[in-house]
């Protein structure tokens, strides 16, 4: 490879790097992702993969039901890119993000931050309302809160959604405990029935060969 070709390739890579940096600095990462996808997930949000899949599923179900939706999970200040001043301001950030997406999406926008939620309408139409709920928290709690918020928003808009496939570990543990309790109750009930049946047989008067009960002592 000639020196000129190497220099040209280096210059091209430098230009691409500058363009990418400018693109990242212009606005915020969520607006770039949500322009083409339904969910923005932070790389450092510690959200379990199962929850990520469930969130994508409920958002897809909402869209299929006639309730178009975009969801941005913001776990840390760095997830806001160049608009870090809106950290811990989910309502303000949802309005900002709605303006960024107005050319490519019309529907409801949900922002989930550790300290609360933000809901905005993108395009024409009434704004959706999210009932008052506790602050989401971080990590798995952030993912669970986002899933629950999507379900509440869709239900409030007249589009109740089915529960997402799969259960969290806590749900699985609860189901397991319920199953064990049911089996224990069944076993105890069977034992009580057997004891009662045995006592009944012992107390039953003896019968003669002709099938007629005979008095005791004869």
C-alpha atoms as a PDB file:
ATOM      1  CA  UNK A   1       0.000   0.000   0.000  1.00  0.00           C
ATOM      2  CA  UNK A   2       1.446   3.333  -1.033  1.00  0.00           C
ATOM      3  CA  UNK A   3       2.102   6.182   1.359  1.00  0.00           C
ATOM      4  CA  UNK A   4      -0.503   8.325  -0.408  1.00  0.00           C
ATOM      5  CA  UNK A   5      -3.228   5.717   0.123  1.00  0.00           C
ATOM      6  CA  UNK A   6      -2.349   5.434   3.820  1.00  0.00           C
ATOM      7  CA  UNK A   7      -2.517   9.206   4.220  1.00  0.00           C
ATOM      8  CA  UNK A   8      -5.897   9.338   2.459  1.00  0.00           C
ATOM      9  CA  UNK A   9      -7.324   6.570   4.658  1.00  0.00           C
ATOM     10  CA  UNK A  10      -6.081   8.298   7.794  1.00  0.00           C
ATOM     11  CA  UNK A  11      -7.656  11.571   6.701  1.00  0.00           C
ATOM     12  CA  UNK A  12     -10.945   9.792   5.948  1.00  0.00           C
ATOM     13  CA  UNK A  13     -11.014   8.128   9.365  1.00  0.00           C
ATOM     14  CA  UNK A  14     -10.254  11.463  11.026  1.00  0.00           C
ATOM     15  CA  UNK A  15     -13.137  13.114   9.197  1.00  0.00           C
ATOM     16  CA  UNK A  16     -15.504  10.312  10.153  1.00  0.00           C
ATOM     17  CA  UNK A  17     -14.427  10.670  13.775  1.00  0.00           C
ATOM     18  CA  UNK A  18     -15.058  14.388  13.739  1.00  0.00           C
ATOM     19  CA  UNK A  19     -18.487  13.895  12.161  1.00  0.00           C
ATOM     20  CA  UNK A  20     -19.414  11.246  14.724  1.00  0.00           C
ATOM     21  CA  UNK A  21     -18.273  13.485  17.576  1.00  0.00           C
ATOM     22  CA  UNK A  22     -20.326  16.367  16.236  1.00  0.00           C
ATOM     23  CA  UNK A  23     -23.343  14.104  15.870  1.00  0.00           C
ATOM     24  CA  UNK A  24     -23.032  12.947  19.471  1.00  0.00           C
ATOM     25  CA  UNK A  25     -22.579  16.502  20.695  1.00  0.00           C
ATOM     26  CA  UNK A  26     -25.651  17.707  18.795  1.00  0.00           C
ATOM     27  CA  UNK A  27     -28.591  17.032  21.103  1.00  0.00           C
ATOM     28  CA  UNK A  28     -28.611  13.824  23.105  1.00  0.00           C
ATOM     29  CA  UNK A  29     -28.175  10.076  22.463  1.00  0.00           C
ATOM     30  CA  UNK A  30     -31.826   9.225  23.159  1.00  0.00           C
ATOM     31  CA  UNK A  31     -33.108  11.411  20.331  1.00  0.00           C
ATOM     32  CA  UNK A  32     -30.810   9.643  17.851  1.00  0.00           C
ATOM     33  CA  UNK A  33     -31.870   6.186  19.008  1.00  0.00           C
ATOM     34  CA  UNK A  34     -35.596   6.893  19.317  1.00  0.00           C
ATOM     35  CA  UNK A  35     -35.710   8.310  15.807  1.00  0.00           C
ATOM     36  CA  UNK A  36     -35.486   4.711  14.575  1.00  0.00           C
ATOM     37  CA  UNK A  37     -36.273   2.542  17.611  1.00  0.00           C
ATOM     38  CA  UNK A  38     -39.023   2.444  20.237  1.00  0.00           C
ATOM     39  CA  UNK A  39     -36.860   2.192  23.365  1.00  0.00           C
ATOM     40  CA  UNK A  40     -33.675   3.909  24.513  1.00  0.00           C
ATOM     41  CA  UNK A  41     -31.747   1.844  27.073  1.00  0.00           C
ATOM     42  CA  UNK A  42     -28.645   3.213  28.821  1.00  0.00           C
ATOM     43  CA  UNK A  43     -25.548   1.057  28.551  1.00  0.00           C
ATOM     44  CA  UNK A  44     -24.628   1.614  32.202  1.00  0.00           C
ATOM     45  CA  UNK A  45     -28.129   1.325  33.646  1.00  0.00           C
ATOM     46  CA  UNK A  46     -27.695  -2.196  35.112  1.00  0.00           C
ATOM     47  CA  UNK A  47     -31.102  -3.188  33.716  1.00  0.00           C
ATOM     48  CA  UNK A  48     -31.367  -6.996  33.427  1.00  0.00           C
ATOM     49  CA  UNK A  49     -31.692  -8.354  29.850  1.00  0.00           C
ATOM     50  CA  UNK A  50     -34.999 -10.033  30.736  1.00  0.00           C
ATOM     51  CA  UNK A  51     -36.471  -6.670  31.729  1.00  0.00           C
ATOM     52  CA  UNK A  52     -35.133  -5.061  28.573  1.00  0.00           C
ATOM     53  CA  UNK A  53     -36.934  -7.698  26.503  1.00  0.00           C
ATOM     54  CA  UNK A  54     -40.152  -7.275  28.502  1.00  0.00           C
ATOM     55  CA  UNK A  55     -40.048  -3.504  28.068  1.00  0.00           C
ATOM     56  CA  UNK A  56     -39.582  -3.833  24.315  1.00  0.00           C
ATOM     57  CA  UNK A  57     -42.472  -6.285  24.273  1.00  0.00           C
ATOM     58  CA  UNK A  58     -44.977  -4.055  26.096  1.00  0.00           C
ATOM     59  CA  UNK A  59     -44.003  -1.035  23.981  1.00  0.00           C
ATOM     60  CA  UNK A  60     -44.493  -3.126  20.842  1.00  0.00           C
ATOM     61  CA  UNK A  61     -47.864  -4.335  22.140  1.00  0.00           C
ATOM     62  CA  UNK A  62     -48.931  -0.753  22.825  1.00  0.00           C
ATOM     63  CA  UNK A  63     -47.986   0.354  19.322  1.00  0.00           C
ATOM     64  CA  UNK A  64     -49.763  -2.650  17.803  1.00  0.00           C
ATOM     65  CA  UNK A  65     -52.873  -1.805  19.840  1.00  0.00           C
ATOM     66  CA  UNK A  66     -52.997   1.714  18.398  1.00  0.00           C
ATOM     67  CA  UNK A  67     -51.061   3.550  21.088  1.00  0.00           C
ATOM     68  CA  UNK A  68     -47.734   4.574  19.487  1.00  0.00           C
ATOM     69  CA  UNK A  69     -45.093   5.030  22.138  1.00  0.00           C
ATOM     70  CA  UNK A  70     -41.433   5.850  22.621  1.00  0.00           C
ATOM     71  CA  UNK A  71     -39.632   5.232  25.924  1.00  0.00           C
ATOM     72  CA  UNK A  72     -36.321   6.668  27.151  1.00  0.00           C
ATOM     73  CA  UNK A  73     -34.682   5.250  30.265  1.00  0.00           C
ATOM     74  CA  UNK A  74     -32.164   7.709  31.693  1.00  0.00           C
ATOM     75  CA  UNK A  75     -30.084   6.076  34.424  1.00  0.00           C
ATOM     76  CA  UNK A  76     -27.260   8.605  34.821  1.00  0.00           C
ATOM     77  CA  UNK A  77     -26.443  12.193  33.906  1.00  0.00           C
ATOM     78  CA  UNK A  78     -24.146  11.031  31.096  1.00  0.00           C
ATOM     79  CA  UNK A  79     -27.124   9.442  29.285  1.00  0.00           C
ATOM     80  CA  UNK A  80     -28.308  12.967  28.432  1.00  0.00           C
ATOM     81  CA  UNK A  81     -25.332  13.756  26.214  1.00  0.00           C
ATOM     82  CA  UNK A  82     -25.087  17.520  25.792  1.00  0.00           C
ATOM     83  CA  UNK A  83     -28.234  18.349  27.802  1.00  0.00           C
ATOM     84  CA  UNK A  84     -27.019  17.274  31.237  1.00  0.00           C
ATOM     85  CA  UNK A  85     -28.691  20.363  32.723  1.00  0.00           C
ATOM     86  CA  UNK A  86     -31.969  18.417  32.454  1.00  0.00           C
ATOM     87  CA  UNK A  87     -30.757  15.641  34.771  1.00  0.00           C
ATOM     88  CA  UNK A  88     -33.376  14.856  37.428  1.00  0.00           C
ATOM     89  CA  UNK A  89     -35.928  16.865  35.408  1.00  0.00           C
ATOM     90  CA  UNK A  90     -37.895  14.130  33.615  1.00  0.00           C
ATOM     91  CA  UNK A  91     -40.820  16.363  32.652  1.00  0.00           C
ATOM     92  CA  UNK A  92     -38.599  19.066  31.164  1.00  0.00           C
ATOM     93  CA  UNK A  93     -36.493  16.490  29.363  1.00  0.00           C
ATOM     94  CA  UNK A  94     -39.574  14.779  27.933  1.00  0.00           C
ATOM     95  CA  UNK A  95     -40.675  18.097  26.397  1.00  0.00           C
ATOM     96  CA  UNK A  96     -37.192  18.674  24.986  1.00  0.00           C
ATOM     97  CA  UNK A  97     -37.043  15.151  23.565  1.00  0.00           C
ATOM     98  CA  UNK A  98     -40.537  15.500  22.079  1.00  0.00           C
ATOM     99  CA  UNK A  99     -39.343  18.480  20.058  1.00  0.00           C
ATOM    100  CA  UNK A 100     -36.316  16.500  18.858  1.00  0.00           C
ATOM    101  CA  UNK A 101     -38.541  13.633  17.658  1.00  0.00           C
ATOM    102  CA  UNK A 102     -41.384  15.703  16.201  1.00  0.00           C
ATOM    103  CA  UNK A 103     -40.184  15.226  12.612  1.00  0.00           C
ATOM    104  CA  UNK A 104     -40.007  11.431  12.770  1.00  0.00           C
ATOM    105  CA  UNK A 105     -42.599  10.298  15.321  1.00  0.00           C
ATOM    106  CA  UNK A 106     -46.117  11.140  16.444  1.00  0.00           C
ATOM    107  CA  UNK A 107     -47.433   9.646  19.651  1.00  0.00           C
ATOM    108  CA  UNK A 108     -46.673   9.472  23.361  1.00  0.00           C
ATOM    109  CA  UNK A 109     -43.190   9.841  24.815  1.00  0.00           C
ATOM    110  CA  UNK A 110     -42.282   8.440  28.219  1.00  0.00           C
ATOM    111  CA  UNK A 111     -39.093   9.397  30.047  1.00  0.00           C
ATOM    112  CA  UNK A 112     -38.042   7.396  33.105  1.00  0.00           C
ATOM    113  CA  UNK A 113     -35.385   8.771  35.450  1.00  0.00           C
ATOM    114  CA  UNK A 114     -34.451   7.467  38.906  1.00  0.00           C
ATOM    115  CA  UNK A 115     -36.337  10.345  40.536  1.00  0.00           C
ATOM    116  CA  UNK A 116     -39.526  10.297  38.457  1.00  0.00           C
ATOM    117  CA  UNK A 117     -41.352  10.178  35.114  1.00  0.00           C
ATOM    118  CA  UNK A 118     -41.959  12.589  32.273  1.00  0.00           C
ATOM    119  CA  UNK A 119     -44.740  12.203  29.684  1.00  0.00           C
ATOM    120  CA  UNK A 120     -45.096  14.341  26.582  1.00  0.00           C
ATOM    121  CA  UNK A 121     -47.158  14.288  23.426  1.00  0.00           C
ATOM    122  CA  UNK A 122     -45.244  14.302  20.151  1.00  0.00           C
ATOM    123  CA  UNK A 123     -47.323  15.804  17.361  1.00  0.00           C
ATOM    124  CA  UNK A 124     -51.019  16.600  17.429  1.00  0.00           C
ATOM    125  CA  UNK A 125     -53.362  15.015  19.923  1.00  0.00           C
ATOM    126  CA  UNK A 126     -54.123  15.050  23.630  1.00  0.00           C
ATOM    127  CA  UNK A 127     -51.317  14.471  26.078  1.00  0.00           C
ATOM    128  CA  UNK A 128     -51.401  11.206  28.009  1.00  0.00           C
ATOM    129  CA  UNK A 129     -51.523  11.263  31.785  1.00  0.00           C
ATOM    130  CA  UNK A 130     -49.609   9.004  34.152  1.00  0.00           C
ATOM    131  CA  UNK A 131     -51.116   8.476  37.614  1.00  0.00           C
ATOM    132  CA  UNK A 132     -48.970   9.511  40.550  1.00  0.00           C
ATOM    133  CA  UNK A 133     -46.510   6.727  41.321  1.00  0.00           C
ATOM    134  CA  UNK A 134     -43.396   6.465  43.518  1.00  0.00           C
ATOM    135  CA  UNK A 135     -39.968   7.369  42.151  1.00  0.00           C
ATOM    136  CA  UNK A 136     -38.582   4.526  40.016  1.00  0.00           C
ATOM    137  CA  UNK A 137     -35.139   4.076  41.582  1.00  0.00           C
ATOM    138  CA  UNK A 138     -32.148   2.556  39.794  1.00  0.00           C
ATOM    139  CA  UNK A 139     -31.103  -0.644  38.067  1.00  0.00           C
ATOM    140  CA  UNK A 140     -33.763  -3.351  37.958  1.00  0.00           C
ATOM    141  CA  UNK A 141     -36.191  -1.002  39.728  1.00  0.00           C
ATOM    142  CA  UNK A 142     -35.871   1.460  36.833  1.00  0.00           C
ATOM    143  CA  UNK A 143     -36.767  -1.261  34.333  1.00  0.00           C
ATOM    144  CA  UNK A 144     -39.729  -2.499  36.386  1.00  0.00           C
ATOM    145  CA  UNK A 145     -41.019   1.048  36.769  1.00  0.00           C
ATOM    146  CA  UNK A 146     -40.803   1.644  33.027  1.00  0.00           C
ATOM    147  CA  UNK A 147     -42.777  -1.531  32.251  1.00  0.00           C
ATOM    148  CA  UNK A 148     -45.467  -0.634  34.799  1.00  0.00           C
ATOM    149  CA  UNK A 149     -45.678   2.946  33.494  1.00  0.00           C
ATOM    150  CA  UNK A 150     -46.169   1.768  29.907  1.00  0.00           C
ATOM    151  CA  UNK A 151     -48.987  -0.506  31.039  1.00  0.00           C
ATOM    152  CA  UNK A 152     -50.650   2.311  33.014  1.00  0.00           C
ATOM    153  CA  UNK A 153     -50.388   4.785  30.145  1.00  0.00           C
ATOM    154  CA  UNK A 154     -51.811   2.321  27.628  1.00  0.00           C
ATOM    155  CA  UNK A 155     -54.668   1.347  29.956  1.00  0.00           C
ATOM    156  CA  UNK A 156     -55.515   4.997  30.634  1.00  0.00           C
ATOM    157  CA  UNK A 157     -55.695   5.555  26.866  1.00  0.00           C
ATOM    158  CA  UNK A 158     -58.125   2.646  26.472  1.00  0.00           C
ATOM    159  CA  UNK A 159     -55.573   0.055  25.366  1.00  0.00           C
ATOM    160  CA  UNK A 160     -54.986  -2.408  28.221  1.00  0.00           C
ATOM    161  CA  UNK A 161     -51.982  -4.603  27.539  1.00  0.00           C
ATOM    162  CA  UNK A 162     -51.339  -8.244  28.407  1.00  0.00           C
ATOM    163  CA  UNK A 163     -48.621  -8.972  30.937  1.00  0.00           C
ATOM    164  CA  UNK A 164     -45.209  -9.405  29.294  1.00  0.00           C
ATOM    165  CA  UNK A 165     -43.968 -12.932  28.789  1.00  0.00           C
ATOM    166  CA  UNK A 166     -41.501 -14.186  31.394  1.00  0.00           C
ATOM    167  CA  UNK A 167     -41.327 -13.439  35.078  1.00  0.00           C
ATOM    168  CA  UNK A 168     -38.735 -11.707  37.181  1.00  0.00           C
ATOM    169  CA  UNK A 169     -36.838 -13.686  39.758  1.00  0.00           C
ATOM    170  CA  UNK A 170     -39.013 -12.303  42.553  1.00  0.00           C
ATOM    171  CA  UNK A 171     -42.159 -13.292  40.697  1.00  0.00           C
ATOM    172  CA  UNK A 172     -40.751 -16.722  40.032  1.00  0.00           C
ATOM    173  CA  UNK A 173     -39.884 -17.120  43.718  1.00  0.00           C
ATOM    174  CA  UNK A 174     -43.383 -16.047  44.701  1.00  0.00           C
ATOM    175  CA  UNK A 175     -44.918 -18.519  42.283  1.00  0.00           C
ATOM    176  CA  UNK A 176     -42.641 -21.258  43.598  1.00  0.00           C
ATOM    177  CA  UNK A 177     -43.587 -20.494  47.191  1.00  0.00           C
ATOM    178  CA  UNK A 178     -47.260 -20.511  46.254  1.00  0.00           C
ATOM    179  CA  UNK A 179     -46.851 -23.892  44.591  1.00  0.00           C
ATOM    180  CA  UNK A 180     -45.118 -25.385  47.628  1.00  0.00           C
ATOM    181  CA  UNK A 181     -47.837 -24.023  49.912  1.00  0.00           C
ATOM    182  CA  UNK A 182     -50.534 -25.559  47.734  1.00  0.00           C
ATOM    183  CA  UNK A 183     -48.854 -28.975  47.801  1.00  0.00           C
ATOM    184  CA  UNK A 184     -48.435 -28.800  51.586  1.00  0.00           C
ATOM    185  CA  UNK A 185     -52.097 -27.909  52.034  1.00  0.00           C
ATOM    186  CA  UNK A 186     -53.079 -30.790  49.765  1.00  0.00           C
ATOM    187  CA  UNK A 187     -50.879 -33.243  51.700  1.00  0.00           C
ATOM    188  CA  UNK A 188     -52.211 -32.120  55.088  1.00  0.00           C
ATOM    189  CA  UNK A 189     -55.774 -32.383  53.820  1.00  0.00           C
ATOM    190  CA  UNK A 190     -55.173 -35.892  52.499  1.00  0.00           C
ATOM    191  CA  UNK A 191     -53.687 -36.987  55.835  1.00  0.00           C
ATOM    192  CA  UNK A 192     -56.650 -35.566  57.759  1.00  0.00           C
ATOM    193  CA  UNK A 193     -59.076 -37.335  55.471  1.00  0.00           C
ATOM    194  CA  UNK A 194     -57.210 -40.638  55.901  1.00  0.00           C
ATOM    195  CA  UNK A 195     -57.189 -40.266  59.696  1.00  0.00           C
ATOM    196  CA  UNK A 196     -60.904 -39.444  59.766  1.00  0.00           C
ATOM    197  CA  UNK A 197     -61.648 -42.440  57.523  1.00  0.00           C
ATOM    198  CA  UNK A 198     -59.629 -44.748  59.772  1.00  0.00           C
ATOM    199  CA  UNK A 199     -61.400 -43.516  62.902  1.00  0.00           C
ATOM    200  CA  UNK A 200     -64.737 -43.943  61.184  1.00  0.00           C
ATOM    201  CA  UNK A 201     -63.943 -47.558  60.305  1.00  0.00           C
ATOM    202  CA  UNK A 202     -62.834 -48.321  63.837  1.00  0.00           C
ATOM    203  CA  UNK A 203     -65.981 -46.833  65.341  1.00  0.00           C
ATOM    204  CA  UNK A 204     -68.284 -48.569  62.877  1.00  0.00           C
ATOM    205  CA  UNK A 205     -70.141 -51.485  64.531  1.00  0.00           C
ATOM    206  CA  UNK A 206     -69.197 -54.991  63.333  1.00  0.00           C
ATOM    207  CA  UNK A 207     -71.497 -56.694  60.818  1.00  0.00           C
ATOM    208  CA  UNK A 208     -72.801 -60.212  60.743  1.00  0.00           C
ATOM    209  CA  UNK A 209     -72.513 -62.339  57.703  1.00  0.00           C
ATOM    210  CA  UNK A 210     -76.038 -61.438  56.610  1.00  0.00           C
ATOM    211  CA  UNK A 211     -75.010 -57.771  56.339  1.00  0.00           C
ATOM    212  CA  UNK A 212     -76.954 -56.688  59.434  1.00  0.00           C
ATOM    213  CA  UNK A 213     -75.036 -54.884  62.156  1.00  0.00           C
ATOM    214  CA  UNK A 214     -74.785 -56.899  65.317  1.00  0.00           C
ATOM    215  CA  UNK A 215     -74.635 -55.434  68.799  1.00  0.00           C
ATOM    216  CA  UNK A 216     -71.233 -55.278  70.489  1.00  0.00           C
ATOM    217  CA  UNK A 217     -70.287 -58.200  72.696  1.00  0.00           C
ATOM    218  CA  UNK A 218     -72.300 -60.892  70.754  1.00  0.00           C
END
